[in-house]
Amino acid sequence: MQNSKLQQAIAEGALLEIHLISGETYKGTGEKNHTANSFEFKTDAGLLTLPFWTIKRYKRL
């Protein structure tokens, strides 16, 4: 998975659908985190802190 394109989408505040390697899927927007290895993902259900390595794929909505 290409982190640079995902990081760009997060910086732009794009609405994303994230599919994790564990099988879960979330829709929301990302926010930069204090660490380089993770980001915060805001969904209707709440705020998740996700390491980049857990992302299997994503798409802009």
Protein backbone atom coordinates (compact mmCIF):
# COMPACT_ATOMS: atom_id res chain seq x y z
CA MET A 1 0.00 0.00 0.00
CA GLN A 2 1.31 3.46 -0.84
CA ASN A 3 1.57 5.50 2.35
CA SER A 4 2.43 8.75 0.58
CA LYS A 5 -0.89 8.86 -1.32
CA LEU A 6 -2.80 7.95 1.82
CA GLN A 7 -0.94 10.63 3.79
CA GLN A 8 -1.79 13.17 1.09
CA ALA A 9 -5.49 12.22 1.25
CA ILE A 10 -5.39 12.58 5.05
CA ALA A 11 -3.75 16.01 4.79
CA GLU A 12 -6.46 17.12 2.34
CA GLY A 13 -9.23 15.98 4.69
CA ALA A 14 -10.69 13.65 2.06
CA LEU A 15 -13.56 11.31 2.93
CA LEU A 16 -12.07 7.80 2.88
CA GLU A 17 -13.12 4.19 3.12
CA ILE A 18 -10.39 2.24 4.94
CA HIS A 19 -10.16 -1.56 4.81
CA LEU A 20 -7.91 -3.04 7.51
CA ILE A 21 -5.91 -6.26 7.28
CA SER A 22 -8.13 -7.62 10.07
CA GLY A 23 -11.17 -7.34 7.77
CA GLU A 24 -12.87 -4.30 9.31
CA THR A 25 -13.97 -1.41 7.10
CA TYR A 26 -14.45 2.18 8.23
CA LYS A 27 -15.63 5.37 6.52
CA GLY A 28 -14.50 8.76 7.69
CA THR A 29 -11.72 11.34 7.55
CA GLY A 30 -8.16 11.11 8.73
CA GLU A 31 -6.16 13.52 10.86
CA LYS A 32 -2.40 13.71 11.28
CA ASN A 33 -1.07 12.16 14.45
CA HIS A 34 1.99 13.04 16.52
CA THR A 35 3.81 9.92 15.34
CA ALA A 36 4.94 9.18 11.80
CA ASN A 37 3.68 5.58 11.92
CA SER A 38 0.00 6.18 12.65
CA PHE A 39 -2.91 8.55 12.11
CA GLU A 40 -6.27 9.28 13.70
CA PHE A 41 -9.39 8.33 11.77
CA LYS A 42 -12.66 10.07 12.62
CA THR A 43 -15.80 8.00 11.97
CA ASP A 44 -19.44 8.30 13.04
CA ALA A 45 -18.65 5.79 15.80
CA GLY A 46 -15.70 7.74 17.21
CA LEU A 47 -12.00 8.42 16.83
CA LEU A 48 -9.59 5.58 16.01
CA THR A 49 -5.80 5.64 16.11
CA LEU A 50 -4.56 3.41 13.29
CA PRO A 51 -0.98 2.42 12.45
CA PHE A 52 -0.31 2.71 8.72
CA TRP A 53 0.76 -0.96 8.51
CA THR A 54 -2.81 -2.08 9.39
CA ILE A 55 -4.26 -0.56 6.19
CA LYS A 56 -4.88 -3.16 3.49
CA ARG A 57 -6.45 -0.71 1.04
CA TYR A 58 -8.36 2.55 0.93
CA LYS A 59 -10.36 4.62 -1.51
CA ARG A 60 -11.55 8.19 -1.68
CA LEU A 61 -15.30 8.62 -1.56
